[in-house]
């Protein structure tokens, strides 16, 4: 637990737009954890940053009329205070810049990620 007895949960998202069925769950779980008063972050690495591109969330969702688009889950997570963090080399890997991403995303380096992982009560990878 953190100094203020608040659980710290770190999600790591490695999948991107190429795996649409894997996209919403980390945002959903992160929002639920934040609603339970946890300090929650999602770190986007490998292909994960592609999910944070402007406009992508409106396109990714279930087939047909059932369910919500990715934007819904991203919005829930942000509304609950989930921090969205992105890996710089993964931006380069996907030919993206921080300006290509939705508002509220913060870039951190590998050392900062490792510190967060070491300090987290739980690390969950997708």
C-alpha atoms as a PDB file:
ATOM      1  CA  UNK A   1       0.000   0.000   0.000  1.00  0.00           C
ATOM      2  CA  UNK A   2       1.105   3.559  -0.592  1.00  0.00           C
ATOM      3  CA  UNK A   3       1.923   5.912   2.272  1.00  0.00           C
ATOM      4  CA  UNK A   4      -1.713   6.991   2.529  1.00  0.00           C
ATOM      5  CA  UNK A   5      -3.033   3.382   2.659  1.00  0.00           C
ATOM      6  CA  UNK A   6      -4.320   3.681  -0.898  1.00  0.00           C
ATOM      7  CA  UNK A   7      -3.726   0.616  -3.070  1.00  0.00           C
ATOM      8  CA  UNK A   8      -1.547   1.290  -6.112  1.00  0.00           C
ATOM      9  CA  UNK A   9      -2.482  -0.635  -9.257  1.00  0.00           C
ATOM     10  CA  UNK A  10      -0.492  -0.514 -12.491  1.00  0.00           C
ATOM     11  CA  UNK A  11      -1.933  -1.957 -15.695  1.00  0.00           C
ATOM     12  CA  UNK A  12       0.385  -2.551 -18.646  1.00  0.00           C
ATOM     13  CA  UNK A  13      -1.241  -2.497 -22.086  1.00  0.00           C
ATOM     14  CA  UNK A  14       0.850  -4.040 -24.865  1.00  0.00           C
ATOM     15  CA  UNK A  15      -1.906  -4.667 -27.435  1.00  0.00           C
ATOM     16  CA  UNK A  16      -3.254  -2.040 -29.782  1.00  0.00           C
ATOM     17  CA  UNK A  17      -5.698  -1.474 -32.603  1.00  0.00           C
ATOM     18  CA  UNK A  18      -4.607  -4.750 -34.203  1.00  0.00           C
ATOM     19  CA  UNK A  19      -6.283  -6.657 -31.318  1.00  0.00           C
ATOM     20  CA  UNK A  20      -9.651  -4.879 -30.875  1.00  0.00           C
ATOM     21  CA  UNK A  21     -11.114  -7.579 -28.603  1.00  0.00           C
ATOM     22  CA  UNK A  22      -8.400  -6.853 -26.018  1.00  0.00           C
ATOM     23  CA  UNK A  23      -8.822  -3.083 -25.939  1.00  0.00           C
ATOM     24  CA  UNK A  24     -11.647  -2.194 -23.554  1.00  0.00           C
ATOM     25  CA  UNK A  25     -10.919  -4.492 -20.606  1.00  0.00           C
ATOM     26  CA  UNK A  26      -7.891  -2.653 -19.158  1.00  0.00           C
ATOM     27  CA  UNK A  27      -9.794   0.655 -19.195  1.00  0.00           C
ATOM     28  CA  UNK A  28     -12.848  -0.973 -17.611  1.00  0.00           C
ATOM     29  CA  UNK A  29     -10.850  -2.669 -14.854  1.00  0.00           C
ATOM     30  CA  UNK A  30      -8.770   0.444 -14.225  1.00  0.00           C
ATOM     31  CA  UNK A  31     -11.910   2.568 -13.850  1.00  0.00           C
ATOM     32  CA  UNK A  32     -13.356   0.016 -11.415  1.00  0.00           C
ATOM     33  CA  UNK A  33     -10.156  -0.007  -9.348  1.00  0.00           C
ATOM     34  CA  UNK A  34     -10.058   3.802  -9.289  1.00  0.00           C
ATOM     35  CA  UNK A  35     -13.718   3.868  -8.211  1.00  0.00           C
ATOM     36  CA  UNK A  36     -12.618   1.644  -5.305  1.00  0.00           C
ATOM     37  CA  UNK A  37     -10.207   4.448  -4.285  1.00  0.00           C
ATOM     38  CA  UNK A  38      -7.052   2.862  -5.700  1.00  0.00           C
ATOM     39  CA  UNK A  39      -4.302   4.946  -7.297  1.00  0.00           C
ATOM     40  CA  UNK A  40      -4.437   3.575 -10.848  1.00  0.00           C
ATOM     41  CA  UNK A  41      -2.272   4.009 -13.943  1.00  0.00           C
ATOM     42  CA  UNK A  42      -2.246   2.323 -17.341  1.00  0.00           C
ATOM     43  CA  UNK A  43       1.137   2.184 -19.079  1.00  0.00           C
ATOM     44  CA  UNK A  44       0.941   1.781 -22.871  1.00  0.00           C
ATOM     45  CA  UNK A  45       3.912   0.065 -24.452  1.00  0.00           C
ATOM     46  CA  UNK A  46       4.675  -1.966 -27.590  1.00  0.00           C
ATOM     47  CA  UNK A  47       1.460  -1.574 -29.693  1.00  0.00           C
ATOM     48  CA  UNK A  48      -0.578  -0.108 -26.829  1.00  0.00           C
ATOM     49  CA  UNK A  49      -0.079   3.558 -27.784  1.00  0.00           C
ATOM     50  CA  UNK A  50      -2.101   3.015 -30.975  1.00  0.00           C
ATOM     51  CA  UNK A  51      -5.236   2.874 -28.790  1.00  0.00           C
ATOM     52  CA  UNK A  52      -4.633   6.423 -27.614  1.00  0.00           C
ATOM     53  CA  UNK A  53      -4.622   8.027 -31.057  1.00  0.00           C
ATOM     54  CA  UNK A  54      -7.261  10.692 -31.551  1.00  0.00           C
ATOM     55  CA  UNK A  55     -10.365   9.233 -33.206  1.00  0.00           C
ATOM     56  CA  UNK A  56      -9.439   5.565 -32.709  1.00  0.00           C
ATOM     57  CA  UNK A  57     -11.772   5.111 -29.744  1.00  0.00           C
ATOM     58  CA  UNK A  58     -14.799   5.990 -31.876  1.00  0.00           C
ATOM     59  CA  UNK A  59     -13.926   3.239 -34.360  1.00  0.00           C
ATOM     60  CA  UNK A  60     -13.098   0.328 -32.054  1.00  0.00           C
ATOM     61  CA  UNK A  61     -15.944  -1.576 -30.498  1.00  0.00           C
ATOM     62  CA  UNK A  62     -18.020  -4.716 -30.700  1.00  0.00           C
ATOM     63  CA  UNK A  63     -19.469  -5.860 -33.977  1.00  0.00           C
ATOM     64  CA  UNK A  64     -23.070  -4.869 -34.581  1.00  0.00           C
ATOM     65  CA  UNK A  65     -25.172  -2.775 -32.238  1.00  0.00           C
ATOM     66  CA  UNK A  66     -24.190  -4.438 -28.952  1.00  0.00           C
ATOM     67  CA  UNK A  67     -21.823  -2.854 -26.483  1.00  0.00           C
ATOM     68  CA  UNK A  68     -19.913   0.386 -26.228  1.00  0.00           C
ATOM     69  CA  UNK A  69     -17.100   1.842 -28.288  1.00  0.00           C
ATOM     70  CA  UNK A  70     -13.630   2.154 -26.786  1.00  0.00           C
ATOM     71  CA  UNK A  71     -14.159   5.903 -26.230  1.00  0.00           C
ATOM     72  CA  UNK A  72     -16.765   5.050 -23.590  1.00  0.00           C
ATOM     73  CA  UNK A  73     -14.281   3.010 -21.547  1.00  0.00           C
ATOM     74  CA  UNK A  74     -11.468   5.529 -21.970  1.00  0.00           C
ATOM     75  CA  UNK A  75     -13.808   8.283 -20.770  1.00  0.00           C
ATOM     76  CA  UNK A  76     -14.861   6.251 -17.735  1.00  0.00           C
ATOM     77  CA  UNK A  77     -11.234   5.629 -16.794  1.00  0.00           C
ATOM     78  CA  UNK A  78     -10.294   9.296 -17.127  1.00  0.00           C
ATOM     79  CA  UNK A  79     -13.394  10.389 -15.187  1.00  0.00           C
ATOM     80  CA  UNK A  80     -12.372   8.080 -12.333  1.00  0.00           C
ATOM     81  CA  UNK A  81      -8.853   9.547 -12.230  1.00  0.00           C
ATOM     82  CA  UNK A  82      -6.918   6.812 -14.023  1.00  0.00           C
ATOM     83  CA  UNK A  83      -3.564   8.094 -15.286  1.00  0.00           C
ATOM     84  CA  UNK A  84      -2.684   7.222 -18.893  1.00  0.00           C
ATOM     85  CA  UNK A  85       1.067   6.866 -19.417  1.00  0.00           C
ATOM     86  CA  UNK A  86       2.892   6.123 -22.648  1.00  0.00           C
ATOM     87  CA  UNK A  87       6.341   4.768 -23.475  1.00  0.00           C
ATOM     88  CA  UNK A  88       8.454   7.008 -25.766  1.00  0.00           C
ATOM     89  CA  UNK A  89      10.158   4.191 -27.712  1.00  0.00           C
ATOM     90  CA  UNK A  90       6.734   2.638 -28.313  1.00  0.00           C
ATOM     91  CA  UNK A  91       5.524   5.895 -29.819  1.00  0.00           C
ATOM     92  CA  UNK A  92       8.474   5.722 -32.202  1.00  0.00           C
ATOM     93  CA  UNK A  93       7.758   2.037 -32.916  1.00  0.00           C
ATOM     94  CA  UNK A  94       4.237   2.971 -34.022  1.00  0.00           C
ATOM     95  CA  UNK A  95       5.291   6.137 -35.881  1.00  0.00           C
ATOM     96  CA  UNK A  96       3.391   8.321 -33.408  1.00  0.00           C
ATOM     97  CA  UNK A  97       4.099  11.525 -31.491  1.00  0.00           C
ATOM     98  CA  UNK A  98       2.582  12.632 -28.194  1.00  0.00           C
ATOM     99  CA  UNK A  99       0.595  15.255 -30.160  1.00  0.00           C
ATOM    100  CA  UNK A 100      -1.167  12.424 -32.046  1.00  0.00           C
ATOM    101  CA  UNK A 101      -2.727  11.129 -28.832  1.00  0.00           C
ATOM    102  CA  UNK A 102      -5.827  12.087 -26.878  1.00  0.00           C
ATOM    103  CA  UNK A 103      -5.598  14.735 -24.176  1.00  0.00           C
ATOM    104  CA  UNK A 104      -4.392  13.705 -20.768  1.00  0.00           C
ATOM    105  CA  UNK A 105      -1.712  11.217 -21.808  1.00  0.00           C
ATOM    106  CA  UNK A 106       1.673  11.669 -20.168  1.00  0.00           C
ATOM    107  CA  UNK A 107       4.947  10.246 -21.471  1.00  0.00           C
ATOM    108  CA  UNK A 108       7.326   8.497 -19.061  1.00  0.00           C
ATOM    109  CA  UNK A 109      10.607   6.690 -19.525  1.00  0.00           C
ATOM    110  CA  UNK A 110      11.647   3.183 -18.681  1.00  0.00           C
ATOM    111  CA  UNK A 111      13.194   4.098 -15.350  1.00  0.00           C
ATOM    112  CA  UNK A 112       9.997   5.835 -14.209  1.00  0.00           C
ATOM    113  CA  UNK A 113       7.946   2.816 -15.295  1.00  0.00           C
ATOM    114  CA  UNK A 114      10.236   0.453 -13.386  1.00  0.00           C
ATOM    115  CA  UNK A 115       9.946   2.612 -10.273  1.00  0.00           C
ATOM    116  CA  UNK A 116       6.164   2.531 -10.574  1.00  0.00           C
ATOM    117  CA  UNK A 117       6.132  -1.248 -11.034  1.00  0.00           C
ATOM    118  CA  UNK A 118       8.388  -1.753  -8.004  1.00  0.00           C
ATOM    119  CA  UNK A 119       6.202   0.489  -5.836  1.00  0.00           C
ATOM    120  CA  UNK A 120       2.840  -0.861  -7.068  1.00  0.00           C
ATOM    121  CA  UNK A 121       0.824  -3.247  -4.959  1.00  0.00           C
ATOM    122  CA  UNK A 122      -0.352  -4.971  -8.133  1.00  0.00           C
ATOM    123  CA  UNK A 123       0.865  -5.008 -11.757  1.00  0.00           C
ATOM    124  CA  UNK A 124      -1.487  -6.492 -14.348  1.00  0.00           C
ATOM    125  CA  UNK A 125      -0.499  -6.960 -17.979  1.00  0.00           C
ATOM    126  CA  UNK A 126      -2.702  -7.119 -21.070  1.00  0.00           C
END
